[in-house]
C-alpha atoms as a PDB file:
ATOM      1  CA  MET A   1      60.124 110.279  68.847  1.00  0.00           C
ATOM      2  CA  GLY A   2      63.636 110.645  70.393  1.00  0.00           C
ATOM      3  CA  ASN A   3      64.919 110.421  73.923  1.00  0.00           C
ATOM      4  CA  ASN A   4      64.479 113.994  75.093  1.00  0.00           C
ATOM      5  CA  ASN A   5      63.150 113.002  78.495  1.00  0.00           C
ATOM      6  CA  PRO A   6      64.767 115.524  80.899  1.00  0.00           C
ATOM      7  CA  SER A   7      64.584 113.196  83.897  1.00  0.00           C
ATOM      8  CA  LYS A   8      66.362 110.436  81.962  1.00  0.00           C
ATOM      9  CA  LYS A   9      69.108 112.874  80.889  1.00  0.00           C
ATOM     10  CA  HIS A  10      69.442 114.078  84.489  1.00  0.00           C
ATOM     11  CA  PHE A  11      69.725 110.480  85.710  1.00  0.00           C
ATOM     12  CA  ILE A  12      72.404 109.669  83.126  1.00  0.00           C
ATOM     13  CA  ARG A  13      74.378 112.816  84.031  1.00  0.00           C
ATOM     14  CA  ALA A  14      74.111 111.997  87.741  1.00  0.00           C
ATOM     15  CA  PHE A  15      75.163 108.407  87.074  1.00  0.00           C
ATOM     16  CA  LEU A  16      78.232 109.494  85.133  1.00  0.00           C
ATOM     17  CA  LYS A  17      79.463 111.945  87.763  1.00  0.00           C
ATOM     18  CA  THR A  18      83.072 111.450  88.724  1.00  0.00           C
ATOM     19  CA  GLU A  19      82.376 110.937  92.406  1.00  0.00           C
ATOM     20  CA  PHE A  20      79.642 108.373  91.724  1.00  0.00           C
ATOM     21  CA  LEU A  21      81.922 106.297  89.491  1.00  0.00           C
ATOM     22  CA  MET A  22      84.719 106.500  92.080  1.00  0.00           C
ATOM     23  CA  ILE A  23      82.408 105.387  94.860  1.00  0.00           C
ATOM     24  CA  ILE A  24      81.312 102.378  92.792  1.00  0.00           C
ATOM     25  CA  PHE A  25      84.961 101.527  92.061  1.00  0.00           C
ATOM     26  CA  LEU A  26      85.902 101.802  95.748  1.00  0.00           C
ATOM     27  CA  TRP A  27      82.930  99.633  96.805  1.00  0.00           C
ATOM     28  CA  ILE A  28      84.028  96.979  94.300  1.00  0.00           C
ATOM     29  CA  ASN A  29      87.509  97.103  95.854  1.00  0.00           C
ATOM     30  CA  ILE A  30      86.082  96.754  99.361  1.00  0.00           C
ATOM     31  CA  ILE A  31      83.872  93.820  98.373  1.00  0.00           C
ATOM     32  CA  TYR A  32      86.832  92.153  96.644  1.00  0.00           C
ATOM     33  CA  SER A  33      88.910  92.609  99.791  1.00  0.00           C
ATOM     34  CA  LEU A  34      86.197  91.244 102.060  1.00  0.00           C
ATOM     35  CA  VAL A  35      85.790  88.164  99.867  1.00  0.00           C
ATOM     36  CA  HIS A  36      89.521  87.406  99.797  1.00  0.00           C
ATOM     37  CA  LEU A  37      90.497  88.258 103.386  1.00  0.00           C
ATOM     38  CA  SER A  38      89.576  86.319 106.492  1.00  0.00           C
ATOM     39  CA  SER A  39      89.154  89.446 108.628  1.00  0.00           C
ATOM     40  CA  PRO A  40      89.326  93.129 107.688  1.00  0.00           C
ATOM     41  CA  GLY A  41      91.868  95.390 109.371  1.00  0.00           C
ATOM     42  CA  ILE A  42      91.117  98.645 111.139  1.00  0.00           C
ATOM     43  CA  PHE A  43      92.114 100.704 108.093  1.00  0.00           C
ATOM     44  CA  LEU A  44      89.711  98.782 105.846  1.00  0.00           C
ATOM     45  CA  ILE A  45      86.936  99.161 108.419  1.00  0.00           C
ATOM     46  CA  SER A  46      87.653 102.922 108.439  1.00  0.00           C
ATOM     47  CA  GLY A  47      87.365 102.918 104.650  1.00  0.00           C
ATOM     48  CA  ILE A  48      84.058 101.053 104.801  1.00  0.00           C
ATOM     49  CA  VAL A  49      82.594 103.459 107.381  1.00  0.00           C
ATOM     50  CA  GLY A  50      83.835 106.513 105.491  1.00  0.00           C
ATOM     51  CA  LEU A  51      82.621 105.279 102.122  1.00  0.00           C
ATOM     52  CA  THR A  52      79.223 104.409 103.616  1.00  0.00           C
ATOM     53  CA  ILE A  53      78.875 107.994 104.850  1.00  0.00           C
ATOM     54  CA  VAL A  54      79.996 109.360 101.463  1.00  0.00           C
ATOM     55  CA  SER A  55      77.516 107.092  99.666  1.00  0.00           C
ATOM     56  CA  ILE A  56      74.628 108.300 101.828  1.00  0.00           C
ATOM     57  CA  LEU A  57      75.628 111.956 101.529  1.00  0.00           C
ATOM     58  CA  LEU A  58      75.947 111.695  97.742  1.00  0.00           C
ATOM     59  CA  LYS A  59      72.170 111.793  97.326  1.00  0.00           C
ATOM     60  CA  PHE A  60      71.437 114.531  99.852  1.00  0.00           C
ATOM     61  CA  ARG A  61      74.565 116.719 100.084  1.00  0.00           C
ATOM     62  CA  ASN A  62      76.693 116.194  96.980  1.00  0.00           C
ATOM     63  CA  ASP A  63      79.171 118.943  97.895  1.00  0.00           C
ATOM     64  CA  LEU A  64      79.736 117.483 101.359  1.00  0.00           C
ATOM     65  CA  SER A  65      80.169 113.993  99.907  1.00  0.00           C
ATOM     66  CA  VAL A  66      82.856 115.334  97.534  1.00  0.00           C
ATOM     67  CA  TYR A  67      84.698 117.008 100.430  1.00  0.00           C
ATOM     68  CA  LEU A  68      84.593 113.816 102.483  1.00  0.00           C
ATOM     69  CA  LEU A  69      85.670 111.662  99.517  1.00  0.00           C
ATOM     70  CA  VAL A  70      88.678 113.951  98.962  1.00  0.00           C
ATOM     71  CA  PHE A  71      89.492 113.622 102.666  1.00  0.00           C
ATOM     72  CA  LEU A  72      89.212 109.811 102.572  1.00  0.00           C
ATOM     73  CA  LEU A  73      91.287 109.478  99.421  1.00  0.00           C
ATOM     74  CA  GLY A  74      93.884 111.854 100.882  1.00  0.00           C
ATOM     75  CA  PHE A  75      94.317 109.607 103.907  1.00  0.00           C
ATOM     76  CA  GLY A  76      94.093 106.592 101.608  1.00  0.00           C
ATOM     77  CA  ILE A  77      97.159 107.794  99.700  1.00  0.00           C
ATOM     78  CA  ILE A  78      99.303 107.104 102.757  1.00  0.00           C
ATOM     79  CA  ASN A  79      97.288 104.003 103.729  1.00  0.00           C
ATOM     80  CA  LEU A  80      95.700 105.453 106.861  1.00  0.00           C
ATOM     81  CA  ILE A  81      92.388 104.474 105.282  1.00  0.00           C
ATOM     82  CA  SER A  82      92.116 101.466 103.002  1.00  0.00           C
ATOM     83  CA  PHE A  83      89.654 100.446 100.341  1.00  0.00           C
ATOM     84  CA  ASN A  84      91.417  97.251  99.273  1.00  0.00           C
ATOM     85  CA  ASP A  85      93.677  95.254 101.579  1.00  0.00           C
ATOM     86  CA  SER A  86      94.031  92.242  99.284  1.00  0.00           C
ATOM     87  CA  VAL A  87      95.643  94.002  96.278  1.00  0.00           C
ATOM     88  CA  GLN A  88      97.577  97.245  96.610  1.00  0.00           C
ATOM     89  CA  VAL A  89      99.859  99.052  94.196  1.00  0.00           C
ATOM     90  CA  THR A  90     102.270 101.181  96.196  1.00  0.00           C
ATOM     91  CA  LEU A  91     105.123 103.544  95.509  1.00  0.00           C
ATOM     92  CA  MET A  92     108.025 103.543  97.964  1.00  0.00           C
ATOM     93  CA  GLY A  93     106.097 101.098 100.101  1.00  0.00           C
ATOM     94  CA  PHE A  94     103.618 103.537 101.581  1.00  0.00           C
ATOM     95  CA  ILE A  95     102.031 105.665  98.809  1.00  0.00           C
ATOM     96  CA  ASN A  96      98.945 103.935  97.416  1.00  0.00           C
ATOM     97  CA  LEU A  97      98.988 104.703  93.687  1.00  0.00           C
ATOM     98  CA  THR A  98      95.341 103.821  93.098  1.00  0.00           C
ATOM     99  CA  ASN A  99      94.168 106.279  95.747  1.00  0.00           C
ATOM    100  CA  LEU A 100      96.653 108.896  94.535  1.00  0.00           C
ATOM    101  CA  ILE A 101      95.308 108.677  90.984  1.00  0.00           C
ATOM    102  CA  LEU A 102      91.686 108.829  92.169  1.00  0.00           C
ATOM    103  CA  PHE A 103      92.541 111.757  94.464  1.00  0.00           C
ATOM    104  CA  CYS A 104      94.152 113.716  91.600  1.00  0.00           C
ATOM    105  CA  ILE A 105      91.253 113.010  89.222  1.00  0.00           C
ATOM    106  CA  LEU A 106      88.707 114.066  91.841  1.00  0.00           C
ATOM    107  CA  ILE A 107      90.594 117.268  92.677  1.00  0.00           C
ATOM    108  CA  TYR A 108      90.842 118.135  88.990  1.00  0.00           C
ATOM    109  CA  LYS A 109      87.238 117.312  88.074  1.00  0.00           C
ATOM    110  CA  LYS A 110      85.711 118.932  91.177  1.00  0.00           C
ATOM    111  CA  ARG A 111      88.008 121.940  91.490  1.00  0.00           C
ATOM    112  CA  LYS A 112      85.070 124.376  91.314  1.00  0.00           C
ATOM    113  CA  ILE A 113      83.254 122.659  94.194  1.00  0.00           C
ATOM    114  CA  LEU A 114      86.482 122.447  96.174  1.00  0.00           C
ATOM    115  CA  ALA A 115      87.210 126.118  95.513  1.00  0.00           C
ATOM    116  CA  THR A 116      84.179 126.946  97.640  1.00  0.00           C
ATOM    117  CA  ILE A 117      86.058 125.560 100.647  1.00  0.00           C
ATOM    118  CA  ASN A 118      88.795 128.081  99.978  1.00  0.00           C
ATOM    119  CA  GLU A 119      86.216 130.854  99.766  1.00  0.00           C
ATOM    120  CA  LYS A 120      84.450 129.743 102.956  1.00  0.00           C
ATOM    121  CA  TRP A 121      87.622 129.270 104.981  1.00  0.00           C
ATOM    122  CA  PHE A 122      89.849 132.018 103.610  1.00  0.00           C
ATOM    123  CA  GLY A 123      87.353 134.236 101.802  1.00  0.00           C
ATOM    124  CA  THR A 124      87.658 135.816  98.391  1.00  0.00           C
ATOM    125  CA  LYS A 125      87.603 139.542  97.998  1.00  0.00           C
ATOM    126  CA  LYS A 126      84.497 140.771  96.226  1.00  0.00           C
ATOM    127  CA  SER A 127      86.627 142.615  93.666  1.00  0.00           C
ATOM    128  CA  GLU A 128      88.498 139.390  92.854  1.00  0.00           C
ATOM    129  CA  TYR A 129      85.229 137.518  92.526  1.00  0.00           C
ATOM    130  CA  ALA A 130      83.788 140.202  90.223  1.00  0.00           C
ATOM    131  CA  GLU A 131      86.926 140.150  88.070  1.00  0.00           C
ATOM    132  CA  GLN A 132      86.866 136.348  87.816  1.00  0.00           C
ATOM    133  CA  ARG A 133      83.186 136.434  86.893  1.00  0.00           C
ATOM    134  CA  THR A 134      83.825 139.036  84.185  1.00  0.00           C
ATOM    135  CA  GLN A 135      86.652 136.910  82.765  1.00  0.00           C
ATOM    136  CA  ARG A 136      84.405 133.831  82.669  1.00  0.00           C
ATOM    137  CA  ILE A 137      81.652 135.806  80.912  1.00  0.00           C
ATOM    138  CA  GLN A 138      84.178 137.026  78.323  1.00  0.00           C
ATOM    139  CA  PHE A 139      85.372 133.442  77.823  1.00  0.00           C
ATOM    140  CA  PHE A 140      81.829 132.258  77.118  1.00  0.00           C
ATOM    141  CA  LYS A 141      81.137 135.216  74.846  1.00  0.00           C
ATOM    142  CA  LYS A 142      84.119 134.235  72.702  1.00  0.00           C
ATOM    143  CA  ARG A 143      83.035 130.615  72.768  1.00  0.00           C
ATOM    144  CA  PHE A 144      79.427 131.334  71.740  1.00  0.00           C
ATOM    145  CA  ASN A 145      80.000 134.331  69.464  1.00  0.00           C
ATOM    146  CA  ASN A 146      79.794 132.328  66.214  1.00  0.00           C
ATOM    147  CA  LEU A 147      76.461 130.692  67.059  1.00  0.00           C
ATOM    148  CA  THR A 148      73.251 131.801  65.378  1.00  0.00           C
ATOM    149  CA  LYS A 149      70.474 133.436  67.361  1.00  0.00           C
ATOM    150  CA  GLN A 150      68.462 130.192  67.256  1.00  0.00           C
ATOM    151  CA  GLU A 151      71.452 128.173  68.517  1.00  0.00           C
ATOM    152  CA  LEU A 152      71.962 130.690  71.326  1.00  0.00           C
ATOM    153  CA  GLU A 153      68.307 130.472  72.329  1.00  0.00           C
ATOM    154  CA  ASN A 154      68.518 126.672  72.284  1.00  0.00           C
ATOM    155  CA  LYS A 155      71.577 126.869  74.555  1.00  0.00           C
ATOM    156  CA  LEU A 156      69.557 128.901  77.051  1.00  0.00           C
ATOM    157  CA  SER A 157      67.247 125.932  77.574  1.00  0.00           C
ATOM    158  CA  GLU A 158      70.222 123.772  78.637  1.00  0.00           C
ATOM    159  CA  GLU A 159      71.740 123.607  82.098  1.00  0.00           C
ATOM    160  CA  LEU A 160      74.368 126.362  82.073  1.00  0.00           C
ATOM    161  CA  VAL A 161      76.508 128.114  84.612  1.00  0.00           C
ATOM    162  CA  ASP A 162      75.395 131.674  85.338  1.00  0.00           C
ATOM    163  CA  GLU A 163      78.315 133.195  83.426  1.00  0.00           C
ATOM    164  CA  ALA A 164      77.488 131.225  80.263  1.00  0.00           C
ATOM    165  CA  ARG A 165      73.836 132.238  80.494  1.00  0.00           C
ATOM    166  CA  LYS A 166      74.804 135.902  80.984  1.00  0.00           C
ATOM    167  CA  ALA A 167      77.221 135.745  78.035  1.00  0.00           C
ATOM    168  CA  ILE A 168      74.501 134.372  75.745  1.00  0.00           C
ATOM    169  CA  LEU A 169      72.048 137.066  76.839  1.00  0.00           C
ATOM    170  CA  GLU A 170      74.687 139.754  76.239  1.00  0.00           C
ATOM    171  CA  ILE A 171      75.462 138.405  72.749  1.00  0.00           C
ATOM    172  CA  ILE A 172      71.755 138.379  71.844  1.00  0.00           C
ATOM    173  CA  SER A 173      71.312 141.884  73.261  1.00  0.00           C
ATOM    174  CA  GLU A 174      74.355 143.244  71.399  1.00  0.00           C
ATOM    175  CA  ARG A 175      73.161 141.723  68.123  1.00  0.00           C
ATOM    176  CA  GLU A 176      69.701 143.270  68.538  1.00  0.00           C
ATOM    177  CA  LEU A 177      71.281 146.714  69.052  1.00  0.00           C
ATOM    178  CA  ARG A 178      73.165 146.470  65.733  1.00  0.00           C
END
């Protein structure tokens, strides 16, 4: 039989998303802090409120939750927002290394989502966008060029970015013309 249930695969992918794992980690830190401290400070309360909002938005507006999580971690780097007041690893007394590492990982893993902020705020010229899209299509064509027709058709049934899908269709089309 096999586990080809699409909803189960979707759930596993959603569960393993970077932002979801970070939110769980930060909630564990908050709970640990609340257990070990007699009263939370204003920065920890800010972290709790912010992380609650991020957790709610994660289900309904994933992109917005990522933006807000980047914002919270950015302020958390310099301890203006805290997720753990009982144990902190700092550099030079004010840079929270845990938040810095999480911030860098999130920026790296979600750079495509975060790039949309740049496009919305500063705009990207249509010619630049078209050139970038063409380069991505060429990248995927090189990546998929050695696959058989059956493997390419199987790939089309997977979740793919538009450029990958277009590259596969172009490869199939070019092979049919030969």
